[in-house]
Amino acid sequence: METMQTILLGILGGQEILLIVLAILILFGGKKIPELMKGLGKGIREFKNATNESDVGNDLKEIKKEINSVTKDIKDSAHL
């Protein structure tokens, strides 16, 4: 399973990335970029925390624990 970063880097080449960076510099200026990146990082962090704390995330963790437990039991019984 490819990560989003790998997919984006495969689509965007060096020239495209340079063009995007220049457009951002022109639109926002050099002083606003750190604020934008800080806000983007905070948003990504909040999104990750929300998905990790969600009911679906907790359910998936429980299912994974159960699968690991059953797998361990099967391996233990096969070695008898």
N, C-alpha and C. Protein backbone atom coordinates (compact mmCIF):
# COMPACT_ATOMS: atom_id res chain seq x y z
N MET A 1 0.85 -1.18 0.00
CA MET A 1 0.00 0.00 0.00
C MET A 1 0.89 1.23 0.00
N GLU A 2 0.71 2.05 -0.99
CA GLU A 2 1.55 3.23 -1.11
C GLU A 2 0.99 4.36 -0.23
N THR A 3 1.90 5.12 0.31
CA THR A 3 1.47 6.26 1.11
C THR A 3 1.12 7.42 0.19
N MET A 4 0.39 8.36 0.71
CA MET A 4 -0.02 9.52 -0.08
C MET A 4 1.19 10.30 -0.55
N GLN A 5 2.22 10.36 0.31
CA GLN A 5 3.43 11.09 -0.05
C GLN A 5 4.10 10.45 -1.25
N THR A 6 4.18 9.13 -1.28
CA THR A 6 4.80 8.42 -2.39
C THR A 6 4.01 8.66 -3.67
N ILE A 7 2.69 8.64 -3.57
CA ILE A 7 1.85 8.86 -4.74
C ILE A 7 2.04 10.28 -5.27
N LEU A 8 2.05 11.26 -4.36
CA LEU A 8 2.22 12.64 -4.79
C LEU A 8 3.59 12.88 -5.41
N LEU A 9 4.62 12.29 -4.84
CA LEU A 9 5.95 12.48 -5.39
C LEU A 9 6.08 11.81 -6.76
N GLY A 10 5.32 10.75 -6.98
CA GLY A 10 5.33 10.11 -8.29
C GLY A 10 4.64 10.96 -9.34
N ILE A 11 3.63 11.72 -8.94
CA ILE A 11 2.88 12.55 -9.88
C ILE A 11 3.61 13.88 -10.11
N LEU A 12 4.13 14.47 -9.04
CA LEU A 12 4.77 15.77 -9.14
C LEU A 12 6.26 15.62 -9.35
N GLY A 13 6.75 16.27 -10.39
CA GLY A 13 8.18 16.28 -10.64
C GLY A 13 8.82 17.52 -10.02
N GLY A 14 10.09 17.68 -10.24
CA GLY A 14 10.83 18.81 -9.68
C GLY A 14 10.33 20.15 -10.16
N GLN A 15 10.00 20.23 -11.45
CA GLN A 15 9.52 21.50 -12.00
C GLN A 15 8.17 21.89 -11.42
N GLU A 16 7.30 20.91 -11.26
CA GLU A 16 5.97 21.19 -10.71
C GLU A 16 6.07 21.68 -9.27
N ILE A 17 6.91 21.02 -8.49
CA ILE A 17 7.09 21.41 -7.09
C ILE A 17 7.66 22.82 -7.01
N LEU A 18 8.64 23.12 -7.84
CA LEU A 18 9.24 24.46 -7.86
C LEU A 18 8.20 25.51 -8.23
N LEU A 19 7.35 25.21 -9.20
CA LEU A 19 6.31 26.14 -9.61
C LEU A 19 5.31 26.38 -8.47
N ILE A 20 4.95 25.33 -7.76
CA ILE A 20 4.02 25.47 -6.63
C ILE A 20 4.65 26.32 -5.53
N VAL A 21 5.91 26.07 -5.21
CA VAL A 21 6.61 26.85 -4.17
C VAL A 21 6.68 28.32 -4.57
N LEU A 22 7.01 28.60 -5.82
CA LEU A 22 7.07 29.99 -6.28
C LEU A 22 5.70 30.66 -6.22
N ALA A 23 4.66 29.94 -6.59
CA ALA A 23 3.31 30.51 -6.53
C ALA A 23 2.92 30.83 -5.09
N ILE A 24 3.28 29.95 -4.16
CA ILE A 24 2.98 30.19 -2.75
C ILE A 24 3.75 31.42 -2.25
N LEU A 25 5.02 31.52 -2.64
CA LEU A 25 5.82 32.69 -2.24
C LEU A 25 5.22 33.98 -2.77
N ILE A 26 4.76 33.96 -4.00
CA ILE A 26 4.18 35.17 -4.60
C ILE A 26 2.86 35.53 -3.92
N LEU A 27 2.03 34.52 -3.68
CA LEU A 27 0.71 34.78 -3.10
C LEU A 27 0.77 35.22 -1.64
N PHE A 28 1.62 34.57 -0.86
CA PHE A 28 1.59 34.81 0.58
C PHE A 28 2.78 35.58 1.11
N GLY A 29 3.86 35.60 0.40
CA GLY A 29 5.06 36.28 0.88
C GLY A 29 5.83 35.42 1.85
N GLY A 30 7.08 35.75 2.04
CA GLY A 30 7.98 34.95 2.88
C GLY A 30 7.62 34.93 4.35
N LYS A 31 7.00 35.99 4.84
CA LYS A 31 6.71 36.07 6.28
C LYS A 31 5.50 35.25 6.69
N LYS A 32 4.58 35.02 5.77
CA LYS A 32 3.36 34.28 6.09
C LYS A 32 3.54 32.76 5.99
N ILE A 33 4.53 32.31 5.27
CA ILE A 33 4.70 30.87 5.04
C ILE A 33 4.90 30.08 6.33
N PRO A 34 5.75 30.53 7.28
CA PRO A 34 5.87 29.77 8.53
C PRO A 34 4.55 29.64 9.28
N GLU A 35 3.74 30.69 9.25
CA GLU A 35 2.43 30.63 9.90
C GLU A 35 1.53 29.62 9.20
N LEU A 36 1.56 29.61 7.87
CA LEU A 36 0.76 28.65 7.11
C LEU A 36 1.18 27.22 7.41
N MET A 37 2.49 26.97 7.44
CA MET A 37 2.99 25.62 7.70
C MET A 37 2.65 25.17 9.12
N LYS A 38 2.72 26.12 10.07
CA LYS A 38 2.37 25.79 11.45
C LYS A 38 0.90 25.41 11.54
N GLY A 39 0.05 26.16 10.87
CA GLY A 39 -1.38 25.85 10.85
C GLY A 39 -1.66 24.52 10.16
N LEU A 40 -0.95 24.26 9.07
CA LEU A 40 -1.12 22.99 8.37
C LEU A 40 -0.69 21.82 9.24
N GLY A 41 0.44 21.96 9.91
CA GLY A 41 0.92 20.90 10.80
C GLY A 41 -0.05 20.66 11.95
N LYS A 42 -0.59 21.73 12.50
CA LYS A 42 -1.56 21.60 13.60
C LYS A 42 -2.82 20.89 13.12
N GLY A 43 -3.27 21.23 11.93
CA GLY A 43 -4.46 20.59 11.37
C GLY A 43 -4.25 19.11 11.13
N ILE A 44 -3.10 18.74 10.58
CA ILE A 44 -2.78 17.33 10.34
C ILE A 44 -2.70 16.58 11.66
N ARG A 45 -2.08 17.18 12.66
CA ARG A 45 -1.95 16.54 13.98
C ARG A 45 -3.33 16.30 14.60
N GLU A 46 -4.22 17.29 14.50
CA GLU A 46 -5.57 17.15 15.04
C GLU A 46 -6.34 16.06 14.30
N PHE A 47 -6.16 15.99 13.00
CA PHE A 47 -6.83 14.95 12.22
C PHE A 47 -6.36 13.56 12.63
N LYS A 48 -5.05 13.40 12.80
CA LYS A 48 -4.52 12.10 13.23
C LYS A 48 -5.04 11.73 14.61
N ASN A 49 -5.06 12.68 15.52
CA ASN A 49 -5.58 12.41 16.86
C ASN A 49 -7.05 12.03 16.83
N ALA A 50 -7.82 12.71 15.99
CA ALA A 50 -9.25 12.42 15.89
C ALA A 50 -9.48 11.02 15.34
N THR A 51 -8.69 10.62 14.34
CA THR A 51 -8.88 9.29 13.77
C THR A 51 -8.40 8.21 14.73
N ASN A 52 -7.36 8.49 15.50
CA ASN A 52 -6.87 7.50 16.46
C ASN A 52 -7.83 7.33 17.63
N GLU A 53 -8.53 8.38 18.00
CA GLU A 53 -9.43 8.34 19.14
C GLU A 53 -10.86 7.96 18.76
N SER A 54 -11.12 7.79 17.48
CA SER A 54 -12.49 7.50 17.05
C SER A 54 -12.90 6.08 17.44
N ASP A 55 -14.18 5.85 17.43
CA ASP A 55 -14.70 4.53 17.75
C ASP A 55 -14.21 3.48 16.75
N VAL A 56 -14.14 3.86 15.49
CA VAL A 56 -13.68 2.92 14.47
C VAL A 56 -12.23 2.53 14.73
N GLY A 57 -11.40 3.51 15.07
CA GLY A 57 -10.01 3.22 15.38
C GLY A 57 -9.87 2.28 16.56
N ASN A 58 -10.65 2.52 17.60
CA ASN A 58 -10.61 1.65 18.77
C ASN A 58 -11.11 0.25 18.44
N ASP A 59 -12.17 0.16 17.64
CA ASP A 59 -12.68 -1.14 17.23
C ASP A 59 -11.64 -1.92 16.43
N LEU A 60 -10.96 -1.23 15.54
CA LEU A 60 -9.93 -1.90 14.73
C LEU A 60 -8.78 -2.39 15.60
N LYS A 61 -8.42 -1.62 16.61
CA LYS A 61 -7.35 -2.05 17.52
C LYS A 61 -7.77 -3.30 18.29
N GLU A 62 -9.03 -3.34 18.72
CA GLU A 62 -9.54 -4.51 19.44
C GLU A 62 -9.56 -5.74 18.53
N ILE A 63 -9.99 -5.56 17.29
CA ILE A 63 -10.01 -6.68 16.35
C ILE A 63 -8.60 -7.19 16.10
N LYS A 64 -7.65 -6.29 15.99
CA LYS A 64 -6.26 -6.69 15.76
C LYS A 64 -5.74 -7.51 16.95
N LYS A 65 -6.08 -7.08 18.16
CA LYS A 65 -5.67 -7.82 19.36
C LYS A 65 -6.26 -9.23 19.35
N GLU A 66 -7.54 -9.33 18.98
CA GLU A 66 -8.20 -10.63 18.95
C GLU A 66 -7.57 -11.54 17.90
N ILE A 67 -7.27 -10.99 16.74
CA ILE A 67 -6.65 -11.78 15.68
C ILE A 67 -5.28 -12.27 16.12
N ASN A 68 -4.50 -11.40 16.75
CA ASN A 68 -3.18 -11.80 17.24
C ASN A 68 -3.29 -12.88 18.30
N SER A 69 -4.30 -12.78 19.16
CA SER A 69 -4.51 -13.78 20.20
C SER A 69 -4.87 -15.14 19.59
N VAL A 70 -5.78 -15.13 18.62
CA VAL A 70 -6.17 -16.38 17.96
C VAL A 70 -4.99 -16.98 17.21
N THR A 71 -4.22 -16.15 16.53
CA THR A 71 -3.05 -16.62 15.80
C THR A 71 -2.06 -17.27 16.75
N LYS A 72 -1.85 -16.66 17.91
CA LYS A 72 -0.93 -17.22 18.90
C LYS A 72 -1.45 -18.56 19.41
N ASP A 73 -2.75 -18.64 19.66
CA ASP A 73 -3.35 -19.90 20.13
C ASP A 73 -3.19 -21.00 19.08
N ILE A 74 -3.38 -20.67 17.81
CA ILE A 74 -3.23 -21.66 16.74
C ILE A 74 -1.79 -22.14 16.66
N LYS A 75 -0.84 -21.20 16.75
CA LYS A 75 0.57 -21.59 16.70
C LYS A 75 0.94 -22.47 17.89
N ASP A 76 0.43 -22.12 19.08
CA ASP A 76 0.72 -22.92 20.28
C ASP A 76 0.14 -24.32 20.17
N SER A 77 -1.08 -24.44 19.63
CA SER A 77 -1.69 -25.76 19.51
C SER A 77 -1.01 -26.58 18.42
N ALA A 78 -0.44 -25.93 17.40
CA ALA A 78 0.24 -26.66 16.34
C ALA A 78 1.56 -27.24 16.84
N HIS A 79 2.17 -26.64 17.83
CA HIS A 79 3.46 -27.09 18.35
C HIS A 79 3.32 -28.22 19.37
N LEU A 80 2.10 -28.56 19.78
CA LEU A 80 1.88 -29.63 20.74
C LEU A 80 2.11 -30.93 20.13
